[in-house]
Amino acid sequence: MVHIIAKFFWGVPVLLIFLAINQGLVAGQLRETWKEGISAIAKVEEFDTTNRADVTYGYIHLLVTLPDGQTIEHEKMSLPQSLWSRVKGQDSLQVLVRPGAPQEIVIEQLMPAHWLIAASQMGISLIGAILSGLLAFFWNKALRRA
């Protein structure tokens, strides 16, 4: 039974690698929108918070009117408490927009911190993948000897 669990443990570093790739893509997409996005003012339609003991985060509902008159609505943009509290109570926010992009709207004021969170999560996932990969390797190697 232990041999089977040791083989399945290889899934942990694989999943962490996929998570690192995902967070790297998010960080890259945030940066692209920040660098190439159209500057606009977003009207804050609504704030909504979730206060659970394990996690506190908020949702923000933005309505963005671009310089060409196009309107983009972004409902339930999730923000962790550390970022959400920085924009709470504001009626409008300066944003950068890339219509149709995976990260379509970036709040200028939060961008450096938002990017840093995604990049940090990528790094932490990579470190976890390396460490769990080493653990899986040596565990399986020890079991083969036994």
Protein backbone atom coordinates (compact mmCIF):
# COMPACT_ATOMS: atom_id res chain seq x y z
CA MET A 1 0.00 0.00 0.00
CA VAL A 2 2.85 2.39 0.85
CA HIS A 3 4.35 1.77 -2.60
CA ILE A 4 1.10 2.85 -4.27
CA ILE A 5 0.91 6.01 -2.16
CA ALA A 6 4.55 6.80 -2.97
CA LYS A 7 3.82 6.49 -6.70
CA PHE A 8 0.74 8.71 -6.42
CA PHE A 9 2.80 11.27 -4.48
CA TRP A 10 4.42 12.21 -7.81
CA GLY A 11 1.13 14.01 -8.52
CA VAL A 12 1.97 16.69 -5.95
CA PRO A 13 4.98 18.17 -7.78
CA VAL A 14 3.17 17.84 -11.11
CA LEU A 15 0.17 19.80 -9.77
CA LEU A 16 2.47 22.43 -8.27
CA ILE A 17 4.22 22.84 -11.62
CA PHE A 18 0.85 23.41 -13.30
CA LEU A 19 -0.04 25.94 -10.60
CA ALA A 20 3.30 27.73 -11.12
CA ILE A 21 2.66 27.87 -14.87
CA ASN A 22 -0.83 29.25 -14.27
CA GLN A 23 0.40 31.95 -11.89
CA GLY A 24 3.23 32.84 -14.27
CA LEU A 25 0.68 33.30 -17.06
CA VAL A 26 -1.51 35.45 -14.79
CA ALA A 27 1.48 37.62 -13.84
CA GLY A 28 2.42 37.99 -17.50
CA GLN A 29 -1.13 38.84 -18.54
CA LEU A 30 -1.41 41.42 -15.76
CA ARG A 31 1.84 43.01 -16.92
CA GLU A 32 0.70 43.05 -20.57
CA THR A 33 -2.54 44.80 -19.66
CA TRP A 34 -0.61 47.23 -17.48
CA LYS A 35 1.86 48.06 -20.27
CA GLU A 36 -0.47 47.95 -23.30
CA GLY A 37 -3.87 48.75 -21.81
CA ILE A 38 -6.03 51.77 -22.56
CA SER A 39 -6.26 54.20 -19.67
CA ALA A 40 -9.83 54.75 -18.44
CA ILE A 41 -11.89 55.59 -15.41
CA ALA A 42 -14.00 52.79 -13.95
CA LYS A 43 -17.15 53.56 -12.02
CA VAL A 44 -17.43 51.39 -8.93
CA GLU A 45 -20.95 49.97 -9.00
CA GLU A 46 -20.75 47.81 -5.89
CA PHE A 47 -18.49 46.39 -3.19
CA ASP A 48 -19.22 43.02 -1.62
CA THR A 49 -17.18 41.34 1.10
CA THR A 50 -16.91 37.82 2.42
CA ASN A 51 -15.71 37.64 5.98
CA ARG A 52 -14.97 34.05 6.84
CA ALA A 53 -12.60 33.01 9.59
CA ASP A 54 -10.21 31.33 7.14
CA VAL A 55 -10.31 33.88 4.32
CA THR A 56 -11.44 37.47 3.93
CA TYR A 57 -11.84 38.90 0.46
CA GLY A 58 -14.03 41.25 -1.46
CA TYR A 59 -15.68 41.59 -4.80
CA ILE A 60 -15.83 44.80 -6.75
CA HIS A 61 -18.21 45.48 -9.62
CA LEU A 62 -16.73 47.88 -12.20
CA LEU A 63 -18.29 49.67 -15.14
CA VAL A 64 -15.63 51.03 -17.49
CA THR A 65 -16.31 53.46 -20.32
CA LEU A 66 -13.44 53.56 -22.81
CA PRO A 67 -12.44 56.73 -24.69
CA ASP A 68 -14.17 55.41 -27.85
CA GLY A 69 -17.48 55.07 -25.96
CA GLN A 70 -17.36 51.27 -25.58
CA THR A 71 -18.52 50.09 -22.14
CA ILE A 72 -17.08 47.08 -20.35
CA GLU A 73 -18.72 45.69 -17.26
CA HIS A 74 -16.73 43.48 -14.90
CA GLU A 75 -18.87 41.87 -12.23
CA LYS A 76 -17.37 40.19 -9.20
CA MET A 77 -13.71 41.09 -9.65
CA SER A 78 -12.25 39.23 -6.69
CA LEU A 79 -9.66 40.97 -4.56
CA PRO A 80 -7.93 39.66 -1.41
CA GLN A 81 -8.33 41.70 1.77
CA SER A 82 -4.82 43.17 1.45
CA LEU A 83 -5.78 44.75 -1.91
CA TRP A 84 -9.50 45.21 -1.43
CA SER A 85 -9.07 47.47 1.57
CA ARG A 86 -7.00 49.90 -0.56
CA VAL A 87 -9.92 50.68 -2.89
CA LYS A 88 -12.86 50.25 -0.52
CA GLY A 89 -15.19 53.21 -0.48
CA GLN A 90 -14.01 54.81 -3.72
CA ASP A 91 -16.60 55.81 -6.34
CA SER A 92 -14.22 55.55 -9.30
CA LEU A 93 -10.84 54.04 -10.06
CA GLN A 94 -8.15 54.62 -12.67
CA VAL A 95 -7.83 51.41 -14.69
CA LEU A 96 -6.02 50.04 -17.71
CA VAL A 97 -8.10 47.98 -20.12
CA ARG A 98 -7.27 45.53 -22.91
CA PRO A 99 -10.65 44.44 -24.32
CA GLY A 100 -10.83 40.69 -24.84
CA ALA A 101 -7.58 39.90 -22.99
CA PRO A 102 -7.51 37.22 -20.29
CA GLN A 103 -6.74 39.96 -17.74
CA GLU A 104 -8.99 42.56 -19.28
CA ILE A 105 -8.96 45.16 -16.50
CA VAL A 106 -6.14 46.18 -14.16
CA ILE A 107 -6.65 48.70 -11.38
CA GLU A 108 -3.62 51.00 -11.65
CA GLN A 109 -3.35 51.64 -7.94
CA LEU A 110 -3.23 47.89 -7.19
CA MET A 111 -1.13 46.72 -10.11
CA PRO A 112 2.32 46.47 -8.50
CA ALA A 113 0.95 44.53 -5.52
CA HIS A 114 -1.35 42.38 -7.69
CA TRP A 115 1.53 41.44 -9.98
CA LEU A 116 3.80 40.72 -7.01
CA ILE A 117 1.22 38.38 -5.48
CA ALA A 118 0.92 36.36 -8.71
CA ALA A 119 4.70 36.25 -9.23
CA SER A 120 5.27 35.23 -5.60
CA GLN A 121 2.70 32.45 -5.87
CA MET A 122 4.50 31.22 -8.98
CA GLY A 123 7.82 31.17 -7.13
CA ILE A 124 6.39 29.46 -4.06
CA SER A 125 4.73 26.83 -6.27
CA LEU A 126 8.02 26.16 -8.06
CA ILE A 127 9.88 25.77 -4.76
CA GLY A 128 7.13 23.43 -3.54
CA ALA A 129 7.33 21.44 -6.78
CA ILE A 130 11.11 21.05 -6.44
CA LEU A 131 10.96 20.04 -2.78
CA SER A 132 8.05 17.63 -3.20
CA GLY A 133 9.70 16.22 -6.33
CA LEU A 134 12.88 15.52 -4.37
CA LEU A 135 10.83 13.96 -1.59
CA ALA A 136 8.94 11.76 -4.05
CA PHE A 137 12.20 10.73 -5.74
CA PHE A 138 13.99 9.75 -2.55
CA TRP A 139 10.90 8.12 -1.03
CA ASN A 140 10.36 5.96 -4.10
CA LYS A 141 14.09 5.18 -4.26
CA ALA A 142 14.10 4.08 -0.60
CA LEU A 143 11.06 1.89 -1.16
CA ARG A 144 12.70 0.18 -4.16
CA ARG A 145 15.68 -0.73 -1.97
CA ALA A 146 13.46 -2.12 0.80
